[in-house]
Protein backbone atom coordinates (compact mmCIF):
# COMPACT_ATOMS: atom_id res chain seq x y z
CA MET A 1 -88.85 -160.92 28.62
CA ALA A 2 -87.45 -157.68 30.09
CA VAL A 3 -88.62 -154.45 28.47
CA ASP A 4 -86.60 -151.32 28.63
CA THR A 5 -88.45 -148.34 29.92
CA PRO A 6 -87.25 -145.17 28.45
CA ILE A 7 -85.86 -142.60 30.90
CA PRO A 8 -87.76 -139.28 30.30
CA LYS A 9 -85.51 -136.42 29.25
CA THR A 10 -85.41 -133.51 31.51
CA THR A 11 -85.42 -130.06 29.86
CA LYS A 12 -83.90 -128.14 32.67
CA ALA A 13 -81.50 -128.99 35.32
CA ALA A 14 -82.72 -129.49 38.79
CA GLY A 15 -82.77 -126.16 40.76
CA ALA A 16 -82.62 -124.11 37.63
CA THR A 17 -84.88 -121.01 37.49
CA ALA A 18 -86.46 -119.51 34.29
CA ARG A 19 -84.96 -116.20 33.39
CA PRO A 20 -87.54 -113.40 33.77
CA THR A 21 -88.67 -111.78 30.47
CA PRO A 22 -87.29 -108.26 30.24
CA PRO A 23 -90.02 -105.74 30.20
CA LYS A 24 -90.86 -104.31 26.84
CA SER A 25 -90.26 -100.62 26.29
CA VAL A 26 -93.36 -98.50 25.97
CA ARG A 27 -93.21 -96.49 22.71
CA PRO A 28 -95.80 -94.14 21.52
CA SER A 29 -97.67 -95.27 18.56
CA SER A 30 -97.29 -93.52 15.16
CA VAL A 31 -100.70 -91.90 15.70
CA VAL A 32 -99.56 -90.39 19.01
CA LEU A 33 -96.43 -89.15 17.33
CA LYS A 34 -98.40 -87.49 14.58
CA LEU A 35 -100.77 -85.83 17.28
CA ILE A 36 -97.73 -84.47 19.04
CA MET A 37 -96.32 -83.04 15.78
CA ALA A 38 -99.67 -81.52 15.06
CA ALA A 39 -100.19 -79.99 18.46
CA SER A 40 -96.59 -78.69 18.78
CA GLY A 41 -96.72 -77.38 15.23
CA ALA A 42 -100.07 -75.59 15.70
CA LEU A 43 -98.73 -73.90 18.82
CA LEU A 44 -95.65 -72.78 17.10
CA VAL A 45 -97.59 -71.44 14.12
CA PHE A 46 -99.77 -69.40 16.51
CA PHE A 47 -96.85 -67.95 18.17
CA LEU A 48 -95.15 -67.04 14.99
CA PHE A 49 -97.99 -65.11 13.65
CA ALA A 50 -98.62 -63.39 16.96
CA HIS A 51 -94.88 -62.56 17.22
CA ALA A 52 -94.85 -61.18 13.74
CA ALA A 53 -97.88 -58.96 14.41
CA GLY A 54 -96.30 -57.46 17.40
CA ASN A 55 -93.00 -56.79 15.30
CA LEU A 56 -95.08 -54.77 12.87
CA LYS A 57 -95.80 -52.22 15.68
CA ILE A 58 -92.38 -50.74 14.91
CA PHE A 59 -93.94 -49.08 11.89
CA VAL A 60 -96.36 -47.18 14.07
CA GLY A 61 -93.41 -45.71 15.93
CA GLU A 62 -90.46 -46.58 18.17
CA SER A 63 -92.28 -45.38 21.34
CA ASP A 64 -95.27 -47.64 20.59
CA PHE A 65 -93.02 -50.54 19.83
CA ASN A 66 -91.08 -50.14 23.12
CA HIS A 67 -94.37 -49.83 25.01
CA TYR A 68 -95.58 -53.14 23.46
CA ALA A 69 -92.34 -54.83 24.45
CA GLU A 70 -92.71 -53.50 28.11
CA TRP A 71 -96.34 -54.65 28.07
CA LEU A 72 -95.21 -58.31 27.21
CA ARG A 73 -92.82 -58.04 30.33
CA GLU A 74 -95.73 -56.90 32.59
CA LEU A 75 -98.02 -59.69 31.61
CA GLY A 76 -99.09 -61.90 34.51
CA THR A 77 -98.20 -59.29 37.14
CA PRO A 78 -98.64 -59.09 40.17
CA LEU A 79 -99.34 -62.82 40.14
CA LEU A 80 -95.90 -63.38 38.34
CA PRO A 81 -92.78 -61.47 38.94
CA HIS A 82 -91.59 -58.99 36.22
CA ALA A 83 -90.81 -60.64 32.79
CA TRP A 84 -91.66 -64.13 34.24
CA PHE A 85 -94.42 -64.69 31.67
CA LEU A 86 -91.97 -64.16 28.88
CA TRP A 87 -89.61 -66.81 30.17
CA ILE A 88 -92.33 -69.22 30.84
CA GLN A 89 -93.40 -68.64 27.20
CA ARG A 90 -89.81 -69.21 25.93
CA VAL A 91 -89.41 -72.36 27.82
CA GLY A 92 -92.71 -73.60 26.48
CA LEU A 93 -91.71 -72.85 22.97
CA LEU A 94 -88.39 -74.62 23.30
CA VAL A 95 -90.23 -77.63 24.73
CA ALA A 96 -92.67 -77.53 21.75
CA ILE A 97 -89.77 -77.33 19.31
CA GLY A 98 -88.02 -80.30 21.01
CA LEU A 99 -91.20 -82.39 20.94
CA HIS A 100 -91.71 -81.47 17.27
CA ILE A 101 -88.18 -82.51 16.39
CA TRP A 102 -88.39 -85.71 18.44
CA ALA A 103 -91.70 -86.75 16.88
CA ALA A 104 -90.57 -86.01 13.35
CA ALA A 105 -87.32 -87.98 13.80
CA ALA A 106 -89.17 -91.02 15.41
CA LEU A 107 -91.65 -91.10 12.53
CA THR A 108 -88.73 -90.88 9.99
CA ILE A 109 -86.89 -93.80 11.70
CA ARG A 110 -89.95 -95.96 11.78
CA ALA A 111 -90.63 -95.25 8.04
CA LYS A 112 -87.11 -96.31 7.13
CA LYS A 113 -87.38 -99.49 9.34
CA ALA A 114 -90.63 -100.30 7.67
CA ARG A 115 -88.87 -100.43 4.37
CA PRO A 116 -85.41 -101.77 5.13
CA VAL A 117 -84.65 -102.65 1.44
CA LYS A 118 -84.18 -99.55 -0.77
CA TYR A 119 -85.95 -99.63 -4.12
CA ALA A 120 -83.52 -100.23 -7.11
CA HIS A 121 -85.35 -97.50 -9.03
CA ARG A 122 -87.36 -95.45 -6.57
CA PRO A 123 -89.67 -93.09 -8.44
CA LYS A 124 -89.42 -89.58 -7.59
CA VAL A 125 -92.38 -88.34 -5.66
CA GLN A 126 -93.82 -85.03 -6.94
CA GLY A 127 -92.87 -83.32 -3.85
CA SER A 128 -91.87 -79.62 -3.22
CA TYR A 129 -88.66 -78.25 -2.28
CA ALA A 130 -89.82 -77.86 1.16
CA ALA A 131 -90.49 -81.59 1.57
CA ARG A 132 -86.84 -82.38 0.49
CA THR A 133 -85.29 -79.87 2.86
CA MET A 134 -87.34 -80.28 5.99
CA ARG A 135 -84.40 -81.52 8.04
CA TRP A 136 -81.92 -78.71 7.11
CA GLY A 137 -84.80 -76.20 7.53
CA GLY A 138 -85.31 -77.43 11.00
CA VAL A 139 -81.77 -77.10 11.88
CA ILE A 140 -81.64 -73.62 10.45
CA ILE A 141 -84.76 -72.65 12.57
CA VAL A 142 -83.28 -74.02 15.74
CA LEU A 143 -80.10 -72.09 15.16
CA PHE A 144 -82.07 -68.98 14.26
CA VAL A 145 -84.21 -69.17 17.42
CA ILE A 146 -81.05 -69.40 19.48
CA TRP A 147 -79.46 -66.45 17.82
CA HIS A 148 -82.64 -64.42 17.94
CA ILE A 149 -82.84 -64.85 21.76
CA LEU A 150 -79.14 -63.80 22.13
CA ASP A 151 -79.35 -60.93 19.73
CA LEU A 152 -82.78 -59.04 19.74
CA THR A 153 -84.20 -60.47 23.08
CA LEU A 154 -81.22 -60.42 25.52
CA GLY A 155 -78.93 -58.12 23.46
CA LYS A 156 -75.82 -60.22 24.25
CA VAL A 157 -74.66 -60.22 20.70
CA ASN A 158 -76.28 -56.94 19.69
CA PRO A 159 -74.29 -53.71 19.17
CA ALA A 160 -76.84 -51.80 21.25
CA GLY A 161 -76.50 -54.03 24.32
CA GLY A 162 -78.97 -55.67 26.52
CA ASP A 163 -79.89 -52.40 28.48
CA SER A 164 -81.01 -50.59 25.36
CA ALA A 165 -84.55 -50.08 24.17
CA PRO A 166 -86.08 -52.90 21.99
CA SER A 167 -86.50 -50.65 19.08
CA GLU A 168 -82.87 -49.70 19.27
CA ARG A 169 -81.78 -53.28 19.29
CA VAL A 170 -83.96 -53.86 16.08
CA VAL A 171 -82.31 -50.91 14.35
CA GLU A 172 -78.82 -51.82 15.34
CA GLY A 173 -79.43 -55.44 14.75
CA PHE A 174 -80.28 -55.01 11.09
CA ALA A 175 -77.89 -52.21 10.32
CA PRO A 176 -76.29 -52.24 6.84
CA ASP A 177 -72.84 -53.10 8.39
CA ARG A 178 -74.42 -56.28 9.85
CA TRP A 179 -75.62 -57.49 6.44
CA TYR A 180 -74.50 -61.13 7.27
CA VAL A 181 -76.96 -61.12 10.28
CA THR A 182 -79.76 -59.89 8.05
CA LEU A 183 -78.79 -62.52 5.42
CA PHE A 184 -79.07 -65.29 8.07
CA TYR A 185 -82.35 -63.72 9.21
CA VAL A 186 -83.85 -63.92 5.73
CA LEU A 187 -82.47 -67.46 5.13
CA ALA A 188 -84.07 -68.60 8.45
CA VAL A 189 -87.40 -66.95 7.81
CA VAL A 190 -87.63 -68.42 4.34
CA ALA A 191 -86.93 -71.85 5.73
CA VAL A 192 -89.76 -71.17 8.24
CA GLY A 193 -92.01 -70.32 5.34
CA PHE A 194 -91.08 -73.68 3.46
CA HIS A 195 -91.47 -75.58 6.70
CA LEU A 196 -94.82 -74.13 7.34
CA ARG A 197 -96.07 -74.75 3.81
CA HIS A 198 -95.08 -78.33 3.69
CA GLY A 199 -96.30 -78.84 7.38
CA ILE A 200 -99.79 -77.65 6.66
CA TRP A 201 -100.14 -79.65 3.53
CA SER A 202 -98.96 -82.75 5.29
CA ALA A 203 -101.22 -82.14 8.25
CA ALA A 204 -104.14 -82.02 5.82
CA ARG A 205 -103.10 -85.31 4.30
CA THR A 206 -102.69 -86.91 7.66
CA MET A 207 -106.26 -85.86 8.64
CA GLY A 208 -107.63 -87.85 5.65
CA GLN A 209 -107.57 -85.27 2.83
CA GLN A 210 -106.87 -87.25 -0.38
CA THR A 211 -109.17 -85.77 -3.06
CA ILE A 212 -107.68 -83.72 -5.79
CA LYS A 213 -109.86 -80.70 -5.13
CA GLY A 214 -109.13 -80.84 -1.29
CA GLU A 215 -105.42 -81.23 -1.99
CA ARG A 216 -105.42 -78.07 -4.26
CA ARG A 217 -107.22 -76.32 -1.37
CA ALA A 218 -104.82 -77.31 1.21
CA LYS A 219 -101.75 -76.29 -1.04
CA ALA A 220 -103.34 -72.98 -1.68
CA ILE A 221 -103.94 -72.32 2.02
CA ALA A 222 -100.49 -73.43 2.96
CA LEU A 223 -98.87 -71.31 0.34
CA THR A 224 -100.86 -68.14 1.29
CA LEU A 225 -100.21 -68.38 5.03
CA SER A 226 -96.43 -69.07 4.41
CA VAL A 227 -96.21 -66.09 2.04
CA ILE A 228 -98.03 -63.88 4.60
CA LEU A 229 -95.81 -65.02 7.35
CA VAL A 230 -92.53 -64.50 5.54
CA ALA A 231 -93.51 -61.00 4.37
CA MET A 232 -94.58 -60.01 7.81
CA TYR A 233 -91.19 -61.04 9.30
CA LEU A 234 -88.95 -59.69 6.33
CA SER A 235 -90.68 -56.38 6.27
CA VAL A 236 -88.86 -55.32 9.42
CA PRO A 237 -85.28 -55.87 8.43
CA ILE A 238 -85.89 -54.57 4.84
CA ALA A 239 -87.48 -51.41 6.44
CA VAL A 240 -84.25 -50.88 8.49
CA LEU A 241 -81.94 -51.46 5.57
CA THR A 242 -83.90 -49.04 3.40
CA GLY A 243 -84.14 -46.37 6.07
CA LEU A 244 -87.88 -46.56 6.56
CA VAL A 245 -87.20 -47.49 10.25
CA GLY A 246 -84.36 -46.05 12.36
């Protein structure tokens, strides 16, 4: 009796080759992104306070303020050409801002993907106004940095012009007839304050601070530093508007 032998099925045609697996894109982990945010944020905060302290020299006198501005241009000489240190600093700050925004956007996208289905009744988190306006605050800050460089640094949009003394650009830049510039400056500085307050508090939570006492301490420190920074920056345009400077 003949027995039919089953013919084995071939899964692939003869001569067919397996497709190579496409390489997986290497993406930084959430921990790395948070470290990038923390490092870039700390660098920006240090610069903001140092820059604000330098601005306050205008209350000492216009000549002292101009001398300070010229000293900044001479930093690094003769190793670096005139004013190169300032431009290296500006490029570094723009890179830090870019990294900060990129890391924040990447973390936000990942958080949304981790929860694709929205809650039907999402409870409101007891967050501050700063936490709800971080994105718009970031946009305002970026626009402010661009305007600040064009106005007070290069003098391209300043009535005094780029060849004028730094103190003259400050006085002309915040003149009463340019109230709209001062208003934008105030709005941007307040946005920086909100951003800094929320950033310091969020950094404390990221580093593991979860206790009620520690959270209160972190909020108090964040609020204090933000108010000090805002006051330092707003004191200059207010002094120009009221005639204390100029």
